[in-house]
Amino acid sequence: MNQNSIIVFVCEHGAAKSVIGASYFNKMASEKNLGFHAIARGTHPDAELSPKTVSGLREDGLTPGESIPRKLTREDLESAERIVSFCDLPDEYQQKAIVEQWDGIPPISEDYQKARDAIVARVQILIEHL
């Protein structure tokens, strides 16, 4: 695998689940010196990051990698080692990279800790398999 390979976390709004996934992935990958970096993207990005996500990450001692949600692009897909998606990807993005679908994550707006714990558990498994 290439040094500094990119993992793209994608959720519909690019404001919560993908941000948590990328933030925790980057922390864990850095601790293990894996040479991977994650970014967060949205298929239909909101204007700003979820306030619950930002405050939850800060309480966890982390800072989001992005300051505003960014739209998933073809360039993101083409440069990605893997895509982790919390939502359905548009047809034009299918078959562009290895896509791992992470369904069943609770909404951040309802329970940050429960959603974060579910995401972190899956990030740990992903890290172990890289």
N, C-alpha and C. Protein backbone atom coordinates (compact mmCIF):
# COMPACT_ATOMS: atom_id res chain seq x y z
N MET A 1 0.83 -1.19 0.00
CA MET A 1 0.00 0.00 0.00
C MET A 1 0.87 1.25 0.00
N ASN A 2 0.35 2.27 -0.62
CA ASN A 2 1.09 3.52 -0.71
C ASN A 2 1.17 4.20 0.65
N GLN A 3 2.33 4.83 0.90
CA GLN A 3 2.46 5.63 2.11
C GLN A 3 1.44 6.77 2.01
N ASN A 4 0.82 7.12 3.11
CA ASN A 4 -0.19 8.18 3.16
C ASN A 4 -1.40 7.87 2.27
N SER A 5 -1.81 6.64 2.22
CA SER A 5 -3.01 6.27 1.49
C SER A 5 -4.22 6.92 2.15
N ILE A 6 -5.21 7.24 1.34
CA ILE A 6 -6.39 7.98 1.81
C ILE A 6 -7.57 7.04 2.00
N ILE A 7 -8.24 7.22 3.13
CA ILE A 7 -9.51 6.56 3.41
C ILE A 7 -10.55 7.69 3.45
N VAL A 8 -11.62 7.54 2.66
CA VAL A 8 -12.65 8.57 2.62
C VAL A 8 -13.88 8.06 3.35
N PHE A 9 -14.27 8.79 4.40
CA PHE A 9 -15.50 8.50 5.12
C PHE A 9 -16.59 9.40 4.54
N VAL A 10 -17.72 8.80 4.17
CA VAL A 10 -18.80 9.54 3.51
C VAL A 10 -20.12 9.33 4.25
N CYS A 11 -20.79 10.45 4.54
CA CYS A 11 -22.17 10.39 5.02
C CYS A 11 -22.95 11.42 4.21
N GLU A 12 -24.25 11.36 4.31
CA GLU A 12 -25.07 12.21 3.45
C GLU A 12 -24.71 13.69 3.58
N HIS A 13 -24.63 14.18 4.80
CA HIS A 13 -24.43 15.62 5.00
C HIS A 13 -22.98 16.01 5.24
N GLY A 14 -22.08 15.02 5.40
CA GLY A 14 -20.66 15.32 5.62
C GLY A 14 -20.41 16.11 6.87
N ALA A 15 -21.33 16.03 7.83
CA ALA A 15 -21.28 16.90 8.99
C ALA A 15 -21.18 16.17 10.33
N ALA A 16 -21.36 14.84 10.33
CA ALA A 16 -21.40 14.14 11.61
C ALA A 16 -20.69 12.78 11.54
N LYS A 17 -21.35 11.75 11.03
CA LYS A 17 -20.79 10.40 11.07
C LYS A 17 -19.44 10.31 10.35
N SER A 18 -19.34 10.90 9.17
CA SER A 18 -18.07 10.83 8.44
C SER A 18 -16.98 11.60 9.17
N VAL A 19 -17.35 12.68 9.83
CA VAL A 19 -16.39 13.50 10.57
C VAL A 19 -15.86 12.72 11.78
N ILE A 20 -16.75 12.05 12.49
CA ILE A 20 -16.34 11.22 13.63
C ILE A 20 -15.46 10.07 13.15
N GLY A 21 -15.89 9.39 12.09
CA GLY A 21 -15.11 8.28 11.55
C GLY A 21 -13.71 8.71 11.15
N ALA A 22 -13.59 9.80 10.41
CA ALA A 22 -12.28 10.27 9.96
C ALA A 22 -11.42 10.73 11.14
N SER A 23 -12.03 11.41 12.10
CA SER A 23 -11.26 11.90 13.26
C SER A 23 -10.68 10.75 14.07
N TYR A 24 -11.50 9.75 14.36
CA TYR A 24 -11.01 8.61 15.13
C TYR A 24 -10.05 7.75 14.31
N PHE A 25 -10.33 7.60 13.03
CA PHE A 25 -9.41 6.83 12.18
C PHE A 25 -8.02 7.48 12.21
N ASN A 26 -7.97 8.80 12.02
CA ASN A 26 -6.68 9.49 11.98
C ASN A 26 -5.93 9.34 13.30
N LYS A 27 -6.65 9.41 14.41
CA LYS A 27 -6.02 9.24 15.73
C LYS A 27 -5.42 7.85 15.84
N MET A 28 -6.21 6.82 15.52
CA MET A 28 -5.73 5.44 15.67
C MET A 28 -4.64 5.09 14.66
N ALA A 29 -4.78 5.55 13.43
CA ALA A 29 -3.77 5.26 12.41
C ALA A 29 -2.45 5.92 12.76
N SER A 30 -2.51 7.12 13.30
CA SER A 30 -1.30 7.83 13.72
C SER A 30 -0.61 7.10 14.87
N GLU A 31 -1.40 6.64 15.83
CA GLU A 31 -0.84 5.92 16.98
C GLU A 31 -0.13 4.64 16.55
N LYS A 32 -0.58 4.04 15.44
CA LYS A 32 0.02 2.80 14.95
C LYS A 32 0.99 3.03 13.79
N ASN A 33 1.23 4.30 13.45
CA ASN A 33 2.13 4.66 12.34
C ASN A 33 1.78 3.92 11.05
N LEU A 34 0.49 3.91 10.71
CA LEU A 34 0.04 3.15 9.54
C LEU A 34 0.28 3.82 8.20
N GLY A 35 0.48 5.13 8.18
CA GLY A 35 0.68 5.79 6.89
C GLY A 35 -0.62 6.00 6.12
N PHE A 36 -1.73 5.98 6.82
CA PHE A 36 -3.03 6.25 6.21
C PHE A 36 -3.57 7.55 6.78
N HIS A 37 -4.36 8.24 5.98
CA HIS A 37 -5.01 9.47 6.41
C HIS A 37 -6.46 9.43 5.95
N ALA A 38 -7.37 9.83 6.81
CA ALA A 38 -8.79 9.83 6.46
C ALA A 38 -9.30 11.25 6.26
N ILE A 39 -10.27 11.37 5.35
CA ILE A 39 -10.97 12.63 5.14
C ILE A 39 -12.47 12.35 5.22
N ALA A 40 -13.24 13.37 5.56
CA ALA A 40 -14.70 13.26 5.65
C ALA A 40 -15.33 14.00 4.49
N ARG A 41 -16.33 13.39 3.88
CA ARG A 41 -17.04 14.00 2.77
C ARG A 41 -18.53 13.71 2.90
N GLY A 42 -19.33 14.48 2.15
CA GLY A 42 -20.77 14.28 2.12
C GLY A 42 -21.28 14.18 0.70
N THR A 43 -22.37 13.44 0.51
CA THR A 43 -22.97 13.38 -0.82
C THR A 43 -23.83 14.62 -1.08
N HIS A 44 -24.42 15.17 -0.02
CA HIS A 44 -25.21 16.40 -0.07
C HIS A 44 -24.84 17.22 1.17
N PRO A 45 -23.64 17.84 1.16
CA PRO A 45 -23.11 18.44 2.39
C PRO A 45 -23.95 19.59 2.94
N ASP A 46 -24.00 19.61 4.28
CA ASP A 46 -24.61 20.73 5.00
C ASP A 46 -23.69 21.95 4.90
N ALA A 47 -24.17 23.08 5.36
CA ALA A 47 -23.37 24.31 5.35
C ALA A 47 -22.32 24.32 6.45
N GLU A 48 -22.57 23.58 7.53
CA GLU A 48 -21.61 23.56 8.63
C GLU A 48 -21.61 22.19 9.29
N LEU A 49 -20.55 21.94 10.06
CA LEU A 49 -20.46 20.69 10.81
C LEU A 49 -21.54 20.65 11.89
N SER A 50 -21.97 19.46 12.24
CA SER A 50 -22.96 19.28 13.30
C SER A 50 -22.38 19.79 14.63
N PRO A 51 -23.08 20.72 15.29
CA PRO A 51 -22.59 21.21 16.58
C PRO A 51 -22.40 20.09 17.61
N LYS A 52 -23.29 19.09 17.62
CA LYS A 52 -23.15 17.96 18.55
C LYS A 52 -21.87 17.18 18.25
N THR A 53 -21.56 17.04 16.98
CA THR A 53 -20.34 16.33 16.60
C THR A 53 -19.10 17.10 17.04
N VAL A 54 -19.07 18.39 16.76
CA VAL A 54 -17.91 19.21 17.12
C VAL A 54 -17.71 19.22 18.63
N SER A 55 -18.78 19.43 19.40
CA SER A 55 -18.63 19.48 20.86
C SER A 55 -18.28 18.09 21.40
N GLY A 56 -18.86 17.04 20.84
CA GLY A 56 -18.54 15.68 21.29
C GLY A 56 -17.09 15.34 21.03
N LEU A 57 -16.58 15.67 19.83
CA LEU A 57 -15.19 15.39 19.52
C LEU A 57 -14.25 16.19 20.43
N ARG A 58 -14.61 17.44 20.68
CA ARG A 58 -13.77 18.26 21.58
C ARG A 58 -13.72 17.65 22.97
N GLU A 59 -14.87 17.18 23.47
CA GLU A 59 -14.90 16.53 24.78
C GLU A 59 -14.05 15.25 24.77
N ASP A 60 -13.95 14.61 23.59
CA ASP A 60 -13.14 13.40 23.45
C ASP A 60 -11.66 13.73 23.22
N GLY A 61 -11.33 15.03 23.14
CA GLY A 61 -9.95 15.44 22.93
C GLY A 61 -9.51 15.44 21.48
N LEU A 62 -10.48 15.47 20.56
CA LEU A 62 -10.17 15.46 19.13
C LEU A 62 -10.69 16.73 18.45
N THR A 63 -10.12 17.02 17.30
CA THR A 63 -10.56 18.15 16.49
C THR A 63 -10.93 17.61 15.11
N PRO A 64 -12.07 18.01 14.56
CA PRO A 64 -12.41 17.56 13.20
C PRO A 64 -11.35 17.98 12.20
N GLY A 65 -11.08 17.11 11.23
CA GLY A 65 -10.10 17.42 10.19
C GLY A 65 -10.57 18.48 9.23
N GLU A 66 -11.87 18.60 9.06
CA GLU A 66 -12.45 19.60 8.17
C GLU A 66 -13.17 20.65 9.00
N SER A 67 -13.15 21.88 8.53
CA SER A 67 -13.85 22.95 9.25
C SER A 67 -15.27 23.13 8.74
N ILE A 68 -15.54 22.72 7.50
CA ILE A 68 -16.88 22.73 6.94
C ILE A 68 -17.07 21.44 6.13
N PRO A 69 -18.30 20.97 6.00
CA PRO A 69 -18.53 19.77 5.19
C PRO A 69 -18.15 20.02 3.72
N ARG A 70 -17.55 19.00 3.13
CA ARG A 70 -17.15 19.10 1.72
C ARG A 70 -17.80 17.99 0.92
N LYS A 71 -18.14 18.32 -0.31
CA LYS A 71 -18.81 17.36 -1.20
C LYS A 71 -17.83 16.31 -1.71
N LEU A 72 -18.28 15.08 -1.75
CA LEU A 72 -17.51 13.99 -2.31
C LEU A 72 -17.30 14.23 -3.80
N THR A 73 -16.07 14.11 -4.27
CA THR A 73 -15.77 14.34 -5.69
C THR A 73 -15.19 13.07 -6.31
N ARG A 74 -15.15 13.05 -7.61
CA ARG A 74 -14.51 11.93 -8.32
C ARG A 74 -13.03 11.83 -7.94
N GLU A 75 -12.38 12.98 -7.75
CA GLU A 75 -10.97 12.98 -7.36
C GLU A 75 -10.78 12.30 -6.00
N ASP A 76 -11.71 12.56 -5.08
CA ASP A 76 -11.65 11.88 -3.78
C ASP A 76 -11.70 10.37 -3.97
N LEU A 77 -12.62 9.93 -4.81
CA LEU A 77 -12.78 8.49 -5.04
C LEU A 77 -11.58 7.89 -5.72
N GLU A 78 -11.06 8.58 -6.73
CA GLU A 78 -9.94 8.04 -7.49
C GLU A 78 -8.66 7.99 -6.69
N SER A 79 -8.52 8.86 -5.69
CA SER A 79 -7.30 8.86 -4.87
C SER A 79 -7.45 7.98 -3.63
N ALA A 80 -8.64 7.46 -3.38
CA ALA A 80 -8.90 6.71 -2.15
C ALA A 80 -8.42 5.27 -2.23
N GLU A 81 -7.84 4.84 -1.15
CA GLU A 81 -7.52 3.42 -0.97
C GLU A 81 -8.81 2.65 -0.68
N ARG A 82 -9.71 3.33 0.05
CA ARG A 82 -10.99 2.72 0.43
C ARG A 82 -11.98 3.83 0.75
N ILE A 83 -13.26 3.54 0.51
CA ILE A 83 -14.36 4.43 0.87
C ILE A 83 -15.16 3.72 1.96
N VAL A 84 -15.44 4.45 3.04
CA VAL A 84 -16.32 3.94 4.09
C VAL A 84 -17.56 4.82 4.03
N SER A 85 -18.70 4.22 3.69
CA SER A 85 -19.91 5.01 3.47
C SER A 85 -20.99 4.68 4.50
N PHE A 86 -21.55 5.74 5.07
CA PHE A 86 -22.67 5.62 5.99
C PHE A 86 -24.00 5.83 5.28
N CYS A 87 -23.95 6.05 3.96
CA CYS A 87 -25.16 6.31 3.17
C CYS A 87 -24.99 5.66 1.80
N ASP A 88 -26.05 5.66 1.02
CA ASP A 88 -25.95 5.15 -0.34
C ASP A 88 -25.19 6.15 -1.19
N LEU A 89 -24.23 5.65 -1.96
CA LEU A 89 -23.47 6.52 -2.85
C LEU A 89 -24.23 6.67 -4.17
N PRO A 90 -24.16 7.85 -4.78
CA PRO A 90 -24.78 8.03 -6.10
C PRO A 90 -24.18 7.04 -7.11
N ASP A 91 -24.99 6.66 -8.08
CA ASP A 91 -24.56 5.68 -9.08
C ASP A 91 -23.24 6.04 -9.74
N GLU A 92 -23.02 7.32 -10.02
CA GLU A 92 -21.80 7.70 -10.73
C GLU A 92 -20.53 7.46 -9.90
N TYR A 93 -20.70 7.23 -8.59
CA TYR A 93 -19.55 6.97 -7.74
C TYR A 93 -19.32 5.48 -7.49
N GLN A 94 -20.24 4.65 -7.91
CA GLN A 94 -20.08 3.22 -7.72
C GLN A 94 -18.94 2.71 -8.59
N GLN A 95 -18.27 1.69 -8.13
CA GLN A 95 -17.19 1.02 -8.87
C GLN A 95 -15.95 1.88 -9.06
N LYS A 96 -15.80 2.96 -8.32
CA LYS A 96 -14.62 3.81 -8.45
C LYS A 96 -13.54 3.44 -7.44
N ALA A 97 -13.92 2.76 -6.37
CA ALA A 97 -12.97 2.37 -5.32
C ALA A 97 -13.61 1.25 -4.52
N ILE A 98 -12.83 0.69 -3.61
CA ILE A 98 -13.38 -0.30 -2.68
C ILE A 98 -14.31 0.46 -1.73
N VAL A 99 -15.58 0.03 -1.70
CA VAL A 99 -16.56 0.69 -0.84
C VAL A 99 -16.99 -0.27 0.26
N GLU A 100 -16.90 0.22 1.49
CA GLU A 100 -17.35 -0.53 2.65
C GLU A 100 -18.56 0.22 3.20
N GLN A 101 -19.70 -0.44 3.25
CA GLN A 101 -20.94 0.19 3.72
C GLN A 101 -21.11 -0.07 5.20
N TRP A 102 -21.25 1.01 5.98
CA TRP A 102 -21.46 0.88 7.43
C TRP A 102 -22.88 1.33 7.76
N ASP A 103 -23.79 0.37 7.79
CA ASP A 103 -25.18 0.65 8.12
C ASP A 103 -25.41 0.45 9.61
N GLY A 104 -26.56 0.94 10.08
CA GLY A 104 -26.97 0.68 11.45
C GLY A 104 -26.35 1.56 12.51
N ILE A 105 -25.70 2.64 12.11
CA ILE A 105 -25.13 3.57 13.09
C ILE A 105 -26.25 4.51 13.53
N PRO A 106 -26.48 4.66 14.83
CA PRO A 106 -27.55 5.55 15.30
C PRO A 106 -27.27 7.01 14.90
N PRO A 107 -28.31 7.82 14.79
CA PRO A 107 -28.12 9.23 14.47
C PRO A 107 -27.34 9.96 15.57
N ILE A 108 -26.40 10.78 15.17
CA ILE A 108 -25.60 11.57 16.11
C ILE A 108 -26.52 12.51 16.90
N SER A 109 -27.54 13.03 16.22
CA SER A 109 -28.44 13.99 16.85
C SER A 109 -29.21 13.40 18.03
N GLU A 110 -29.39 12.08 18.02
CA GLU A 110 -30.13 11.43 19.10
C GLU A 110 -29.24 11.02 20.28
N ASP A 111 -28.02 10.55 19.98
CA ASP A 111 -27.15 10.07 21.05
C ASP A 111 -25.71 10.02 20.54
N TYR A 112 -24.97 11.09 20.78
CA TYR A 112 -23.59 11.19 20.30
C TYR A 112 -22.75 10.00 20.77
N GLN A 113 -22.79 9.71 22.07
CA GLN A 113 -21.93 8.67 22.62
C GLN A 113 -22.22 7.30 22.01
N LYS A 114 -23.48 6.97 21.88
CA LYS A 114 -23.85 5.66 21.31
C LYS A 114 -23.39 5.56 19.85
N ALA A 115 -23.61 6.63 19.07
CA ALA A 115 -23.19 6.64 17.67
C ALA A 115 -21.66 6.59 17.58
N ARG A 116 -21.00 7.41 18.40
CA ARG A 116 -19.53 7.43 18.39
C ARG A 116 -18.98 6.06 18.72
N ASP A 117 -19.52 5.41 19.75
CA ASP A 117 -19.01 4.10 20.14
C ASP A 117 -19.18 3.08 19.02
N ALA A 118 -20.30 3.13 18.30
CA ALA A 118 -20.53 2.21 17.18
C ALA A 118 -19.53 2.48 16.05
N ILE A 119 -19.27 3.75 15.78
CA ILE A 119 -18.31 4.11 14.73
C ILE A 119 -16.89 3.70 15.13
N VAL A 120 -16.51 4.00 16.36
CA VAL A 120 -15.16 3.69 16.84
C VAL A 120 -14.91 2.18 16.80
N ALA A 121 -15.90 1.38 17.18
CA ALA A 121 -15.75 -0.08 17.14
C ALA A 121 -15.44 -0.55 15.72
N ARG A 122 -16.12 0.03 14.73
CA ARG A 122 -15.87 -0.36 13.34
C ARG A 122 -14.54 0.19 12.83
N VAL A 123 -14.16 1.38 13.28
CA VAL A 123 -12.86 1.93 12.90
C VAL A 123 -11.75 1.03 13.42
N GLN A 124 -11.88 0.53 14.64
CA GLN A 124 -10.86 -0.37 15.21
C GLN A 124 -10.71 -1.62 14.35
N ILE A 125 -11.80 -2.18 13.89
CA ILE A 125 -11.74 -3.36 13.03
C ILE A 125 -11.08 -3.01 11.70
N LEU A 126 -11.45 -1.87 11.12
CA LEU A 126 -10.83 -1.43 9.86
C LEU A 126 -9.32 -1.29 10.02
N ILE A 127 -8.89 -0.63 11.09
CA ILE A 127 -7.46 -0.42 11.35
C ILE A 127 -6.73 -1.75 11.44
N GLU A 128 -7.34 -2.73 12.10
CA GLU A 128 -6.72 -4.04 12.25
C GLU A 128 -6.52 -4.76 10.91
N HIS A 129 -7.36 -4.43 9.93
CA HIS A 129 -7.30 -5.11 8.64
C HIS A 129 -6.50 -4.37 7.58
N LEU A 130 -5.93 -3.25 7.94
CA LEU A 130 -5.12 -2.49 6.96
C LEU A 130 -3.67 -2.94 7.00
